[in-house]
Amino acid sequence: MRIKVKPRSDQWNADDFIGGPRTFTVSHVVEGVAEQPYDIHFSDGEGKAWRPPNGVLTLLIEAWTDETSTWKGRRVTLYRDPAVRFGKEQLGGVRVSHMSDLPGGKPFTAHVTVSRGKKGPMTVQPLTEPVSNPDKLPTVTPEQIAACDDLAELKALWESSNKSDEVSALIGARKAEIEAAQS
């Protein structure tokens, strides 16, 4: 059995990557609900948001543009960097090592703010898998939703779906049915 440190949180934290890096597929981006300006959600992200700091946002914008609708289906590999500082303390943080859809399919470097008033290079490598296609995100069938009898399983179906309006409506209705049956 492998043991993991699992902080209770609605976001991806450095401790989530102690066991190694993970690659995720972007499903959508919304305005942030916490201290960071944006929450990036993944179709395979266990319901947690990624809240990158401004330097990483600069990297994402320079590599993928500032139009987040184009990010859907693109992939990032996140890892724990123990050298990340918060103020004067070296606490560790989440960094990006690889991204899909990089210009020219080559390593990409952006000059970003690394600390107050100081800029430095941040380089990511291209993901070696095929270029992403947002239309190829996994879809969930109405039959799968109707057959689901567990709220955790229903949430997993939502996370793996393409988040279409139809899927959202079906999952919302099925959630209400399951909750009504449990009360």
Foldseek 3Di string as FASTA:
>chain_A
DDDADDDPDQADKQSNAPVHKDKFFWQFKDQDPDDAGIWTATLQRLRHTYRDHPQQVQVCCVFQNPPGVSRGFKMWIKHWDQQQDDVPRRRITIDTAEIENGVVQAKDWDWGDRDVPDTDIDIHHYDPDDHTDLVPQDADDLVNLVPDQDPSVLVNNCSSHSVDPVSVVSSVVSVVVNVVVVD
